[in-house]
Amino acid sequence: MDWSTIEARWHEYRAAAKRQWDKLSEQQLRGTAGKREYVVRRVQEAYALTAQEAEQQVSTWQERQIDRLAPAANGG
Protein backbone atom coordinates (compact mmCIF):
# COMPACT_ATOMS: atom_id res chain seq x y z
CA MET A 1 0.00 0.00 0.00
CA ASP A 2 1.38 3.35 -1.03
CA TRP A 3 1.42 5.86 1.83
CA SER A 4 -0.10 8.59 -0.34
CA THR A 5 -3.25 6.46 -0.53
CA ILE A 6 -3.29 6.02 3.23
CA GLU A 7 -2.81 9.75 3.75
CA ALA A 8 -5.50 10.69 1.23
CA ARG A 9 -7.97 8.31 2.91
CA TRP A 10 -6.73 8.71 6.47
CA HIS A 11 -10.29 8.89 7.78
CA GLU A 12 -10.67 5.28 6.57
CA TYR A 13 -7.32 4.00 7.87
CA ARG A 14 -7.38 5.79 11.22
CA ALA A 15 -9.38 3.00 12.91
CA ALA A 16 -6.81 0.41 11.82
CA ALA A 17 -4.06 2.64 13.18
CA LYS A 18 -5.96 2.96 16.48
CA ARG A 19 -6.22 -0.84 16.73
CA GLN A 20 -2.47 -1.13 16.13
CA TRP A 21 -1.44 1.63 18.52
CA ASP A 22 -4.12 1.78 21.20
CA LYS A 23 -2.08 4.19 23.35
CA LEU A 24 -2.76 6.89 20.74
CA SER A 25 -5.96 8.82 21.21
CA GLU A 26 -8.42 9.54 18.43
CA GLN A 27 -7.41 13.19 18.73
CA GLN A 28 -3.73 12.35 18.30
CA LEU A 29 -4.43 10.20 15.25
CA ARG A 30 -6.74 12.79 13.74
CA GLY A 31 -4.09 15.44 14.38
CA THR A 32 -1.53 13.63 12.24
CA ALA A 33 -3.77 14.16 9.19
CA GLY A 34 -2.29 10.91 7.93
CA LYS A 35 1.14 12.42 7.41
CA ARG A 36 3.59 9.56 7.80
CA GLU A 37 6.27 11.49 9.67
CA TYR A 38 3.69 12.63 12.23
CA VAL A 39 2.35 9.11 12.69
CA VAL A 40 5.89 7.82 13.24
CA ARG A 41 6.58 10.59 15.76
CA ARG A 42 3.37 9.89 17.71
CA VAL A 43 4.12 6.16 17.83
CA GLN A 44 7.68 6.89 18.96
CA GLU A 45 6.49 9.18 21.76
CA ALA A 46 3.61 7.00 22.97
CA TYR A 47 5.62 3.79 23.11
CA ALA A 48 9.03 5.21 24.08
CA LEU A 49 10.66 3.80 20.95
CA THR A 50 13.68 4.92 19.00
CA ALA A 51 12.95 6.67 15.73
CA GLN A 52 14.10 3.54 13.89
CA GLU A 53 11.81 1.26 15.93
CA ALA A 54 8.82 3.51 15.35
CA GLU A 55 9.59 3.71 11.63
CA GLN A 56 9.74 -0.09 11.46
CA GLN A 57 6.39 -0.45 13.23
CA VAL A 58 4.74 2.02 10.85
CA SER A 59 6.32 0.31 7.83
CA THR A 60 5.07 -3.09 8.98
CA TRP A 61 1.58 -1.70 9.59
CA GLN A 62 1.62 -0.02 6.17
CA GLU A 63 2.47 -3.30 4.45
CA ARG A 64 -0.59 -4.94 6.02
CA GLN A 65 -3.03 -2.31 4.81
CA ILE A 66 -5.23 -2.90 1.81
CA ASP A 67 -6.88 -0.48 -0.56
CA ARG A 68 -10.21 -0.09 1.20
CA LEU A 69 -11.92 1.08 -1.97
CA ALA A 70 -10.55 -1.63 -4.27
CA PRO A 71 -13.14 -3.96 -5.78
CA ALA A 72 -13.35 -7.37 -4.20
CA ALA A 73 -11.31 -10.17 -5.73
CA ASN A 74 -14.49 -11.76 -7.04
CA GLY A 75 -15.20 -8.71 -9.14
CA GLY A 76 -17.89 -7.31 -6.94
PDB file of N, CA and C in Angstrom:
ATOM      1  N   MET A   1       0.849  -1.174   0.000  1.00  0.00           N
ATOM      2  CA  MET A   1       0.000   0.000   0.000  1.00  0.00           C
ATOM      3  C   MET A   1       0.891   1.233   0.000  1.00  0.00           C
ATOM      4  N   ASP A   2       0.635   2.095  -0.927  1.00  0.00           N
ATOM      5  CA  ASP A   2       1.381   3.345  -1.026  1.00  0.00           C
ATOM      6  C   ASP A   2       0.890   4.309   0.062  1.00  0.00           C
ATOM      7  N   TRP A   3       1.830   4.985   0.721  1.00  0.00           N
ATOM      8  CA  TRP A   3       1.425   5.862   1.825  1.00  0.00           C
ATOM      9  C   TRP A   3       0.550   7.007   1.344  1.00  0.00           C
ATOM     10  N   SER A   4       0.735   7.475   0.138  1.00  0.00           N
ATOM     11  CA  SER A   4      -0.097   8.592  -0.340  1.00  0.00           C
ATOM     12  C   SER A   4      -1.571   8.200  -0.343  1.00  0.00           C
ATOM     13  N   THR A   5      -1.866   6.934  -0.587  1.00  0.00           N
ATOM     14  CA  THR A   5      -3.248   6.457  -0.529  1.00  0.00           C
ATOM     15  C   THR A   5      -3.746   6.475   0.908  1.00  0.00           C
ATOM     16  N   ILE A   6      -2.912   6.010   1.818  1.00  0.00           N
ATOM     17  CA  ILE A   6      -3.289   6.017   3.234  1.00  0.00           C
ATOM     18  C   ILE A   6      -3.538   7.447   3.698  1.00  0.00           C
ATOM     19  N   GLU A   7      -2.649   8.355   3.331  1.00  0.00           N
ATOM     20  CA  GLU A   7      -2.814   9.749   3.750  1.00  0.00           C
ATOM     21  C   GLU A   7      -4.085  10.357   3.168  1.00  0.00           C
ATOM     22  N   ALA A   8      -4.325  10.113   1.885  1.00  0.00           N
ATOM     23  CA  ALA A   8      -5.501  10.694   1.233  1.00  0.00           C
ATOM     24  C   ALA A   8      -6.803  10.158   1.827  1.00  0.00           C
ATOM     25  N   ARG A   9      -6.762   8.945   2.343  1.00  0.00           N
ATOM     26  CA  ARG A   9      -7.969   8.314   2.910  1.00  0.00           C
ATOM     27  C   ARG A   9      -7.793   8.048   4.406  1.00  0.00           C
ATOM     28  N   TRP A  10      -7.070   8.909   5.071  1.00  0.00           N
ATOM     29  CA  TRP A  10      -6.735   8.708   6.471  1.00  0.00           C
ATOM     30  C   TRP A  10      -7.962   8.447   7.319  1.00  0.00           C
ATOM     31  N   HIS A  11      -9.066   9.104   6.994  1.00  0.00           N
ATOM     32  CA  HIS A  11     -10.288   8.889   7.780  1.00  0.00           C
ATOM     33  C   HIS A  11     -10.730   7.424   7.727  1.00  0.00           C
ATOM     34  N   GLU A  12     -10.343   6.693   6.684  1.00  0.00           N
ATOM     35  CA  GLU A  12     -10.675   5.278   6.572  1.00  0.00           C
ATOM     36  C   GLU A  12      -9.641   4.386   7.254  1.00  0.00           C
ATOM     37  N   TYR A  13      -8.403   4.808   7.309  1.00  0.00           N
ATOM     38  CA  TYR A  13      -7.322   4.002   7.869  1.00  0.00           C
ATOM     39  C   TYR A  13      -7.065   4.295   9.342  1.00  0.00           C
ATOM     40  N   ARG A  14      -7.628   5.379   9.834  1.00  0.00           N
ATOM     41  CA  ARG A  14      -7.384   5.795  11.216  1.00  0.00           C
ATOM     42  C   ARG A  14      -7.807   4.722  12.221  1.00  0.00           C
ATOM     43  N   ALA A  15      -8.923   4.041  11.978  1.00  0.00           N
ATOM     44  CA  ALA A  15      -9.381   2.999  12.906  1.00  0.00           C
ATOM     45  C   ALA A  15      -8.390   1.845  12.968  1.00  0.00           C
ATOM     46  N   ALA A  16      -7.818   1.473  11.830  1.00  0.00           N
ATOM     47  CA  ALA A  16      -6.813   0.409  11.819  1.00  0.00           C
ATOM     48  C   ALA A  16      -5.567   0.853  12.580  1.00  0.00           C
ATOM     49  N   ALA A  17      -5.205   2.109  12.444  1.00  0.00           N
ATOM     50  CA  ALA A  17      -4.059   2.636  13.181  1.00  0.00           C
ATOM     51  C   ALA A  17      -4.356   2.627  14.684  1.00  0.00           C
ATOM     52  N   LYS A  18      -5.568   2.959  15.060  1.00  0.00           N
ATOM     53  CA  LYS A  18      -5.959   2.958  16.475  1.00  0.00           C
ATOM     54  C   LYS A  18      -5.896   1.547  17.040  1.00  0.00           C
ATOM     55  N   ARG A  19      -6.318   0.547  16.258  1.00  0.00           N
ATOM     56  CA  ARG A  19      -6.219  -0.841  16.725  1.00  0.00           C
ATOM     57  C   ARG A  19      -4.757  -1.261  16.911  1.00  0.00           C
ATOM     58  N   GLN A  20      -3.894  -0.794  16.045  1.00  0.00           N
ATOM     59  CA  GLN A  20      -2.472  -1.134  16.132  1.00  0.00           C
ATOM     60  C   GLN A  20      -1.801  -0.443  17.314  1.00  0.00           C
ATOM     61  N   TRP A  21      -2.093   0.823  17.478  1.00  0.00           N
ATOM     62  CA  TRP A  21      -1.437   1.635  18.522  1.00  0.00           C
ATOM     63  C   TRP A  21      -2.498   2.208  19.450  1.00  0.00           C
ATOM     64  N   ASP A  22      -2.995   1.370  20.345  1.00  0.00           N
ATOM     65  CA  ASP A  22      -4.115   1.780  21.196  1.00  0.00           C
ATOM     66  C   ASP A  22      -3.756   2.839  22.227  1.00  0.00           C
ATOM     67  N   LYS A  23      -2.467   3.112  22.435  1.00  0.00           N
ATOM     68  CA  LYS A  23      -2.081   4.194  23.347  1.00  0.00           C
ATOM     69  C   LYS A  23      -2.324   5.565  22.721  1.00  0.00           C
ATOM     70  N   LEU A  24      -2.499   5.610  21.414  1.00  0.00           N
ATOM     71  CA  LEU A  24      -2.755   6.890  20.744  1.00  0.00           C
ATOM     72  C   LEU A  24      -4.248   7.199  20.794  1.00  0.00           C
ATOM     73  N   SER A  25      -4.559   8.421  21.142  1.00  0.00           N
ATOM     74  CA  SER A  25      -5.962   8.823  21.210  1.00  0.00           C
ATOM     75  C   SER A  25      -6.491   9.129  19.811  1.00  0.00           C
ATOM     76  N   GLU A  26      -7.800   9.151  19.704  1.00  0.00           N
ATOM     77  CA  GLU A  26      -8.424   9.539  18.429  1.00  0.00           C
ATOM     78  C   GLU A  26      -7.948  10.932  18.024  1.00  0.00           C
ATOM     79  N   GLN A  27      -7.854  11.819  19.004  1.00  0.00           N
ATOM     80  CA  GLN A  27      -7.413  13.192  18.726  1.00  0.00           C
ATOM     81  C   GLN A  27      -5.980  13.208  18.192  1.00  0.00           C
ATOM     82  N   GLN A  28      -5.109  12.413  18.785  1.00  0.00           N
ATOM     83  CA  GLN A  28      -3.728  12.351  18.302  1.00  0.00           C
ATOM     84  C   GLN A  28      -3.672  11.828  16.874  1.00  0.00           C
ATOM     85  N   LEU A  29      -4.422  10.766  16.603  1.00  0.00           N
ATOM     86  CA  LEU A  29      -4.426  10.195  15.254  1.00  0.00           C
ATOM     87  C   LEU A  29      -5.029  11.166  14.251  1.00  0.00           C
ATOM     88  N   ARG A  30      -6.114  11.806  14.625  1.00  0.00           N
ATOM     89  CA  ARG A  30      -6.740  12.789  13.740  1.00  0.00           C
ATOM     90  C   ARG A  30      -5.768  13.933  13.467  1.00  0.00           C
ATOM     91  N   GLY A  31      -5.023  14.327  14.489  1.00  0.00           N
ATOM     92  CA  GLY A  31      -4.094  15.439  14.377  1.00  0.00           C
ATOM     93  C   GLY A  31      -2.928  15.187  13.432  1.00  0.00           C
ATOM     94  N   THR A  32      -2.620  13.923  13.172  1.00  0.00           N
ATOM     95  CA  THR A  32      -1.529  13.632  12.238  1.00  0.00           C
ATOM     96  C   THR A  32      -1.928  13.918  10.797  1.00  0.00           C
ATOM     97  N   ALA A  33      -3.223  13.969  10.542  1.00  0.00           N
ATOM     98  CA  ALA A  33      -3.766  14.164   9.191  1.00  0.00           C
ATOM     99  C   ALA A  33      -3.223  13.116   8.221  1.00  0.00           C
ATOM    100  N   GLY A  34      -2.793  11.981   8.767  1.00  0.00           N
ATOM    101  CA  GLY A  34      -2.290  10.907   7.927  1.00  0.00           C
ATOM    102  C   GLY A  34      -0.880  11.119   7.410  1.00  0.00           C
ATOM    103  N   LYS A  35      -0.236  12.155   7.853  1.00  0.00           N
ATOM    104  CA  LYS A  35       1.136  12.415   7.409  1.00  0.00           C
ATOM    105  C   LYS A  35       2.071  11.422   8.105  1.00  0.00           C
ATOM    106  N   ARG A  36       2.785  10.682   7.306  1.00  0.00           N
ATOM    107  CA  ARG A  36       3.586   9.560   7.805  1.00  0.00           C
ATOM    108  C   ARG A  36       4.561   9.982   8.899  1.00  0.00           C
ATOM    109  N   GLU A  37       5.270  11.080   8.674  1.00  0.00           N
ATOM    110  CA  GLU A  37       6.270  11.485   9.665  1.00  0.00           C
ATOM    111  C   GLU A  37       5.623  11.819  11.007  1.00  0.00           C
ATOM    112  N   TYR A  38       4.393  12.329  10.988  1.00  0.00           N
ATOM    113  CA  TYR A  38       3.694  12.633  12.231  1.00  0.00           C
ATOM    114  C   TYR A  38       3.217  11.355  12.910  1.00  0.00           C
ATOM    115  N   VAL A  39       2.770  10.386  12.124  1.00  0.00           N
ATOM    116  CA  VAL A  39       2.348   9.105  12.687  1.00  0.00           C
ATOM    117  C   VAL A  39       3.547   8.440  13.358  1.00  0.00           C
ATOM    118  N   VAL A  40       4.676   8.420  12.677  1.00  0.00           N
ATOM    119  CA  VAL A  40       5.886   7.822  13.243  1.00  0.00           C
ATOM    120  C   VAL A  40       6.258   8.519  14.551  1.00  0.00           C
ATOM    121  N   ARG A  41       6.209   9.832  14.552  1.00  0.00           N
ATOM    122  CA  ARG A  41       6.580  10.587  15.761  1.00  0.00           C
ATOM    123  C   ARG A  41       5.634  10.277  16.922  1.00  0.00           C
ATOM    124  N   ARG A  42       4.344  10.208  16.650  1.00  0.00           N
ATOM    125  CA  ARG A  42       3.370   9.892  17.712  1.00  0.00           C
ATOM    126  C   ARG A  42       3.600   8.492  18.273  1.00  0.00           C
ATOM    127  N   VAL A  43       3.847   7.524  17.395  1.00  0.00           N
ATOM    128  CA  VAL A  43       4.121   6.156  17.833  1.00  0.00           C
ATOM    129  C   VAL A  43       5.390   6.131  18.680  1.00  0.00           C
ATOM    130  N   GLN A  44       6.408   6.830  18.227  1.00  0.00           N
ATOM    131  CA  GLN A  44       7.677   6.886  18.962  1.00  0.00           C
ATOM    132  C   GLN A  44       7.460   7.441  20.365  1.00  0.00           C
ATOM    133  N   GLU A  45       6.725   8.539  20.464  1.00  0.00           N
ATOM    134  CA  GLU A  45       6.492   9.178  21.757  1.00  0.00           C
ATOM    135  C   GLU A  45       5.634   8.302  22.675  1.00  0.00           C
ATOM    136  N   ALA A  46       4.557   7.746  22.144  1.00  0.00           N
ATOM    137  CA  ALA A  46       3.612   6.998  22.968  1.00  0.00           C
ATOM    138  C   ALA A  46       4.201   5.700  23.512  1.00  0.00           C
ATOM    139  N   TYR A  47       5.085   5.086  22.725  1.00  0.00           N
ATOM    140  CA  TYR A  47       5.615   3.789  23.113  1.00  0.00           C
ATOM    141  C   TYR A  47       7.089   3.828  23.517  1.00  0.00           C
ATOM    142  N   ALA A  48       7.629   5.023  23.662  1.00  0.00           N
ATOM    143  CA  ALA A  48       9.029   5.210  24.079  1.00  0.00           C
ATOM    144  C   ALA A  48       9.985   4.377  23.223  1.00  0.00           C
ATOM    145  N   LEU A  49       9.835   4.522  21.905  1.00  0.00           N
ATOM    146  CA  LEU A  49      10.663   3.802  20.949  1.00  0.00           C
ATOM    147  C   LEU A  49      11.728   4.722  20.371  1.00  0.00           C
ATOM    148  N   THR A  50      12.739   4.120  19.780  1.00  0.00           N
ATOM    149  CA  THR A  50      13.677   4.920  19.001  1.00  0.00           C
ATOM    150  C   THR A  50      12.983   5.298  17.694  1.00  0.00           C
ATOM    151  N   ALA A  51      13.530   6.269  17.019  1.00  0.00           N
ATOM    152  CA  ALA A  51      12.952   6.671  15.729  1.00  0.00           C
ATOM    153  C   ALA A  51      12.944   5.490  14.769  1.00  0.00           C
ATOM    154  N   GLN A  52      14.006   4.699  14.784  1.00  0.00           N
ATOM    155  CA  GLN A  52      14.104   3.542  13.890  1.00  0.00           C
ATOM    156  C   GLN A  52      13.050   2.483  14.227  1.00  0.00           C
ATOM    157  N   GLU A  53      12.823   2.238  15.518  1.00  0.00           N
ATOM    158  CA  GLU A  53      11.812   1.257  15.929  1.00  0.00           C
ATOM    159  C   GLU A  53      10.413   1.708  15.523  1.00  0.00           C
ATOM    160  N   ALA A  54      10.127   2.981  15.722  1.00  0.00           N
ATOM    161  CA  ALA A  54       8.818   3.509  15.347  1.00  0.00           C
ATOM    162  C   ALA A  54       8.628   3.437  13.834  1.00  0.00           C
ATOM    163  N   GLU A  55       9.651   3.779  13.092  1.00  0.00           N
ATOM    164  CA  GLU A  55       9.592   3.708  11.631  1.00  0.00           C
ATOM    165  C   GLU A  55       9.315   2.277  11.177  1.00  0.00           C
ATOM    166  N   GLN A  56       9.952   1.318  11.818  1.00  0.00           N
ATOM    167  CA  GLN A  56       9.744  -0.093  11.462  1.00  0.00           C
ATOM    168  C   GLN A  56       8.308  -0.519  11.752  1.00  0.00           C
ATOM    169  N   GLN A  57       7.776  -0.098  12.896  1.00  0.00           N
ATOM    170  CA  GLN A  57       6.393  -0.447  13.226  1.00  0.00           C
ATOM    171  C   GLN A  57       5.425   0.128  12.197  1.00  0.00           C
ATOM    172  N   VAL A  58       5.629   1.381  11.821  1.00  0.00           N
ATOM    173  CA  VAL A  58       4.737   2.017  10.851  1.00  0.00           C
ATOM    174  C   VAL A  58       4.880   1.342   9.489  1.00  0.00           C
ATOM    175  N   SER A  59       6.096   0.998   9.109  1.00  0.00           N
ATOM    176  CA  SER A  59       6.316   0.310   7.832  1.00  0.00           C
ATOM    177  C   SER A  59       5.613  -1.039   7.802  1.00  0.00           C
ATOM    178  N   THR A  60       5.726  -1.785   8.892  1.00  0.00           N
ATOM    179  CA  THR A  60       5.068  -3.094   8.983  1.00  0.00           C
ATOM    180  C   THR A  60       3.555  -2.939   8.903  1.00  0.00           C
ATOM    181  N   TRP A  61       3.018  -1.960   9.625  1.00  0.00           N
ATOM    182  CA  TRP A  61       1.579  -1.698   9.587  1.00  0.00           C
ATOM    183  C   TRP A  61       1.152  -1.322   8.166  1.00  0.00           C
ATOM    184  N   GLN A  62       1.929  -0.467   7.532  1.00  0.00           N
ATOM    185  CA  GLN A  62       1.620  -0.016   6.170  1.00  0.00           C
ATOM    186  C   GLN A  62       1.532  -1.204   5.206  1.00  0.00           C
ATOM    187  N   GLU A  63       2.453  -2.133   5.324  1.00  0.00           N
ATOM    188  CA  GLU A  63       2.468  -3.305   4.448  1.00  0.00           C
ATOM    189  C   GLU A  63       1.218  -4.154   4.595  1.00  0.00           C
ATOM    190  N   ARG A  64       0.607  -4.126   5.774  1.00  0.00           N
ATOM    191  CA  ARG A  64      -0.587  -4.938   6.024  1.00  0.00           C
ATOM    192  C   ARG A  64      -1.879  -4.277   5.567  1.00  0.00           C
ATOM    193  N   GLN A  65      -1.818  -3.017   5.202  1.00  0.00           N
ATOM    194  CA  GLN A  65      -3.025  -2.310   4.810  1.00  0.00           C
ATOM    195  C   GLN A  65      -3.416  -2.682   3.382  1.00  0.00           C
ATOM    196  N   ILE A  66      -4.705  -2.624   3.146  1.00  0.00           N
ATOM    197  CA  ILE A  66      -5.230  -2.900   1.813  1.00  0.00           C
ATOM    198  C   ILE A  66      -5.933  -1.660   1.312  1.00  0.00           C
ATOM    199  N   ASP A  67      -6.131  -1.592   0.020  1.00  0.00           N
ATOM    200  CA  ASP A  67      -6.885  -0.482  -0.556  1.00  0.00           C
ATOM    201  C   ASP A  67      -8.349  -0.699  -0.204  1.00  0.00           C
ATOM    202  N   ARG A  68      -8.859   0.107   0.680  1.00  0.00           N
ATOM    203  CA  ARG A  68     -10.207  -0.092   1.202  1.00  0.00           C
ATOM    204  C   ARG A  68     -11.299   0.217   0.173  1.00  0.00           C
ATOM    205  N   LEU A  69     -10.931   0.796  -0.928  1.00  0.00           N
ATOM    206  CA  LEU A  69     -11.918   1.078  -1.971  1.00  0.00           C
ATOM    207  C   LEU A  69     -11.737   0.180  -3.195  1.00  0.00           C
ATOM    208  N   ALA A  70     -10.777  -0.738  -3.128  1.00  0.00           N
ATOM    209  CA  ALA A  70     -10.548  -1.627  -4.269  1.00  0.00           C
ATOM    210  C   ALA A  70     -11.702  -2.602  -4.390  1.00  0.00           C
ATOM    211  N   PRO A  71     -12.068  -2.966  -5.611  1.00  0.00           N
ATOM    212  CA  PRO A  71     -13.136  -3.960  -5.778  1.00  0.00           C
ATOM    213  C   PRO A  71     -12.699  -5.296  -5.199  1.00  0.00           C
ATOM    214  N   ALA A  72     -13.650  -6.065  -4.763  1.00  0.00           N
ATOM    215  CA  ALA A  72     -13.353  -7.373  -4.195  1.00  0.00           C
ATOM    216  C   ALA A  72     -12.739  -8.276  -5.257  1.00  0.00           C
ATOM    217  N   ALA A  73     -12.014  -9.266  -4.808  1.00  0.00           N
ATOM    218  CA  ALA A  73     -11.312 -10.166  -5.733  1.00  0.00           C
ATOM    219  C   ALA A  73     -12.277 -10.905  -6.652  1.00  0.00           C
ATOM    220  N   ASN A  74     -13.519 -11.051  -6.213  1.00  0.00           N
ATOM    221  CA  ASN A  74     -14.485 -11.756  -7.044  1.00  0.00           C
ATOM    222  C   ASN A  74     -15.158 -10.843  -8.063  1.00  0.00           C
ATOM    223  N   GLY A  75     -14.671  -9.623  -8.161  1.00  0.00           N
ATOM    224  CA  GLY A  75     -15.204  -8.707  -9.145  1.00  0.00           C
ATOM    225  C   GLY A  75     -16.372  -7.880  -8.677  1.00  0.00           C
ATOM    226  N   GLY A  76     -16.719  -8.012  -7.423  1.00  0.00           N
ATOM    227  CA  GLY A  76     -17.892  -7.306  -6.936  1.00  0.00           C
ATOM    228  C   GLY A  76     -17.531  -6.386  -5.916  1.00  0.00           C
TER     229      GLY A  76
END
